[in-house]
Amino acid sequence: MTPAAFEATASRLLAEWFGAPVHADRAARSHGVDLIVEHDRTLFVIECKQASDSAAVASAITQIKTAAPNVHRKAVPVIAVPFMGDVGKRL
């Protein structure tokens, strides 16, 4: 999936879940994350991984912990994987 297609799909799904429009920041890659979404004055910094094994989740945690504070001090870090197993949840 291209970055533009990912952004469009993620924005659409988040808008459905939130029940309100979301704004996707096109500069997310410059912050080292996949997507930055603003909803109701809250910034969500999102890192997506195609794999959901513990190594992929651990890598995403390290990346998002570094990137989120650089986006905004109150940014909410989010890791998106196809399925979050028990090991990933404990990380």
C-alpha atoms as a PDB file:
ATOM      1  CA  MET A   1       0.000   0.000   0.000  1.00  0.00           C
ATOM      2  CA  THR A   2       1.362   3.402  -0.915  1.00  0.00           C
ATOM      3  CA  PRO A   3       1.782   6.034   1.804  1.00  0.00           C
ATOM      4  CA  ALA A   4      -1.025   8.120   0.269  1.00  0.00           C
ATOM      5  CA  ALA A   5      -3.387   5.119   0.173  1.00  0.00           C
ATOM      6  CA  PHE A   6      -2.487   4.229   3.763  1.00  0.00           C
ATOM      7  CA  GLU A   7      -3.143   7.796   4.914  1.00  0.00           C
ATOM      8  CA  ALA A   8      -6.513   7.905   3.173  1.00  0.00           C
ATOM      9  CA  THR A   9      -7.607   4.515   4.530  1.00  0.00           C
ATOM     10  CA  ALA A  10      -6.397   5.221   8.066  1.00  0.00           C
ATOM     11  CA  SER A  11      -8.040   8.651   8.098  1.00  0.00           C
ATOM     12  CA  ARG A  12     -11.338   7.198   6.879  1.00  0.00           C
ATOM     13  CA  LEU A  13     -11.313   4.403   9.484  1.00  0.00           C
ATOM     14  CA  LEU A  14     -10.389   6.751  12.319  1.00  0.00           C
ATOM     15  CA  ALA A  15     -13.138   9.177  11.285  1.00  0.00           C
ATOM     16  CA  GLU A  16     -15.624   6.286  11.382  1.00  0.00           C
ATOM     17  CA  TRP A  17     -14.403   5.162  14.824  1.00  0.00           C
ATOM     18  CA  PHE A  18     -14.340   8.682  16.280  1.00  0.00           C
ATOM     19  CA  GLY A  19     -17.617   9.617  14.636  1.00  0.00           C
ATOM     20  CA  ALA A  20     -16.083  12.882  13.457  1.00  0.00           C
ATOM     21  CA  PRO A  21     -13.624  14.080  10.813  1.00  0.00           C
ATOM     22  CA  VAL A  22      -9.919  13.727  11.497  1.00  0.00           C
ATOM     23  CA  HIS A  23      -7.012  15.681  10.072  1.00  0.00           C
ATOM     24  CA  ALA A  24      -3.979  13.727   8.894  1.00  0.00           C
ATOM     25  CA  ASP A  25      -0.646  15.559   9.011  1.00  0.00           C
ATOM     26  CA  ARG A  26       1.292  14.980   5.808  1.00  0.00           C
ATOM     27  CA  ALA A  27       4.591  15.737   7.590  1.00  0.00           C
ATOM     28  CA  ALA A  28       4.443  12.557   9.698  1.00  0.00           C
ATOM     29  CA  ARG A  29       7.358  10.923   7.879  1.00  0.00           C
ATOM     30  CA  SER A  30       9.598  13.859   8.761  1.00  0.00           C
ATOM     31  CA  HIS A  31       8.883  13.050  12.424  1.00  0.00           C
ATOM     32  CA  GLY A  32       9.769   9.385  11.903  1.00  0.00           C
ATOM     33  CA  VAL A  33       6.230   8.001  12.197  1.00  0.00           C
ATOM     34  CA  ASP A  34       3.635   6.751   9.752  1.00  0.00           C
ATOM     35  CA  LEU A  35       0.745   9.039  10.575  1.00  0.00           C
ATOM     36  CA  ILE A  36      -0.172  11.975  12.782  1.00  0.00           C
ATOM     37  CA  VAL A  37      -3.877  12.502  13.258  1.00  0.00           C
ATOM     38  CA  GLU A  38      -5.638  15.302  15.093  1.00  0.00           C
ATOM     39  CA  HIS A  39      -9.090  14.813  16.551  1.00  0.00           C
ATOM     40  CA  ASP A  40     -10.850  17.030  19.049  1.00  0.00           C
ATOM     41  CA  ARG A  41      -7.598  18.872  19.925  1.00  0.00           C
ATOM     42  CA  THR A  42      -5.731  15.610  20.574  1.00  0.00           C
ATOM     43  CA  LEU A  43      -2.768  14.520  18.470  1.00  0.00           C
ATOM     44  CA  PHE A  44      -2.347  10.808  17.850  1.00  0.00           C
ATOM     45  CA  VAL A  45       1.088   9.741  16.626  1.00  0.00           C
ATOM     46  CA  ILE A  46       0.690   6.410  14.850  1.00  0.00           C
ATOM     47  CA  GLU A  47       3.324   3.843  13.928  1.00  0.00           C
ATOM     48  CA  CYS A  48       2.102   0.920  11.822  1.00  0.00           C
ATOM     49  CA  LYS A  49       3.727  -2.457  11.433  1.00  0.00           C
ATOM     50  CA  GLN A  50       2.739  -5.201   9.015  1.00  0.00           C
ATOM     51  CA  ALA A  51       3.925  -7.870  11.439  1.00  0.00           C
ATOM     52  CA  SER A  52       2.666  -8.242  14.978  1.00  0.00           C
ATOM     53  CA  ASP A  53       5.422 -10.409  16.428  1.00  0.00           C
ATOM     54  CA  SER A  54       7.191  -9.253  19.574  1.00  0.00           C
ATOM     55  CA  ALA A  55      10.231  -7.941  17.674  1.00  0.00           C
ATOM     56  CA  ALA A  56       8.075  -5.734  15.429  1.00  0.00           C
ATOM     57  CA  VAL A  57       6.053  -4.435  18.380  1.00  0.00           C
ATOM     58  CA  ALA A  58       9.200  -3.769  20.460  1.00  0.00           C
ATOM     59  CA  SER A  59      10.710  -1.875  17.526  1.00  0.00           C
ATOM     60  CA  ALA A  60       7.538   0.198  17.145  1.00  0.00           C
ATOM     61  CA  ILE A  61       7.507   0.990  20.883  1.00  0.00           C
ATOM     62  CA  THR A  62      11.080   2.269  20.740  1.00  0.00           C
ATOM     63  CA  GLN A  63      10.342   4.324  17.647  1.00  0.00           C
ATOM     64  CA  ILE A  64       7.098   5.851  18.942  1.00  0.00           C
ATOM     65  CA  LYS A  65       8.558   6.677  22.373  1.00  0.00           C
ATOM     66  CA  THR A  66      11.233   8.731  20.636  1.00  0.00           C
ATOM     67  CA  ALA A  67       8.987  10.330  18.025  1.00  0.00           C
ATOM     68  CA  ALA A  68       5.814  11.220  19.958  1.00  0.00           C
ATOM     69  CA  PRO A  69       7.376  13.835  22.279  1.00  0.00           C
ATOM     70  CA  ASN A  70       9.051  15.450  19.264  1.00  0.00           C
ATOM     71  CA  VAL A  71       5.641  15.935  17.640  1.00  0.00           C
ATOM     72  CA  HIS A  72       3.983  17.416  20.737  1.00  0.00           C
ATOM     73  CA  ARG A  73       4.527  17.010  24.454  1.00  0.00           C
ATOM     74  CA  LYS A  74       0.975  15.691  24.901  1.00  0.00           C
ATOM     75  CA  ALA A  75       0.871  13.535  21.760  1.00  0.00           C
ATOM     76  CA  VAL A  76      -0.781  10.151  22.252  1.00  0.00           C
ATOM     77  CA  PRO A  77       1.418   7.333  20.883  1.00  0.00           C
ATOM     78  CA  VAL A  78      -0.408   4.541  19.021  1.00  0.00           C
ATOM     79  CA  ILE A  79       0.957   1.334  17.555  1.00  0.00           C
ATOM     80  CA  ALA A  80      -1.157  -0.307  14.875  1.00  0.00           C
ATOM     81  CA  VAL A  81      -0.607  -3.973  13.991  1.00  0.00           C
ATOM     82  CA  PRO A  82      -2.874  -6.577  12.377  1.00  0.00           C
ATOM     83  CA  PHE A  83      -3.298  -8.414  15.698  1.00  0.00           C
ATOM     84  CA  MET A  84      -1.851  -7.578  19.096  1.00  0.00           C
ATOM     85  CA  GLY A  85      -1.112 -10.790  20.980  1.00  0.00           C
ATOM     86  CA  ASP A  86      -0.478 -11.225  24.685  1.00  0.00           C
ATOM     87  CA  VAL A  87       3.293 -10.739  24.351  1.00  0.00           C
ATOM     88  CA  GLY A  88       2.835  -7.480  22.440  1.00  0.00           C
ATOM     89  CA  LYS A  89       0.317  -6.232  24.987  1.00  0.00           C
ATOM     90  CA  ARG A  90       2.794  -6.859  27.814  1.00  0.00           C
ATOM     91  CA  LEU A  91       5.582  -4.933  26.066  1.00  0.00           C
END
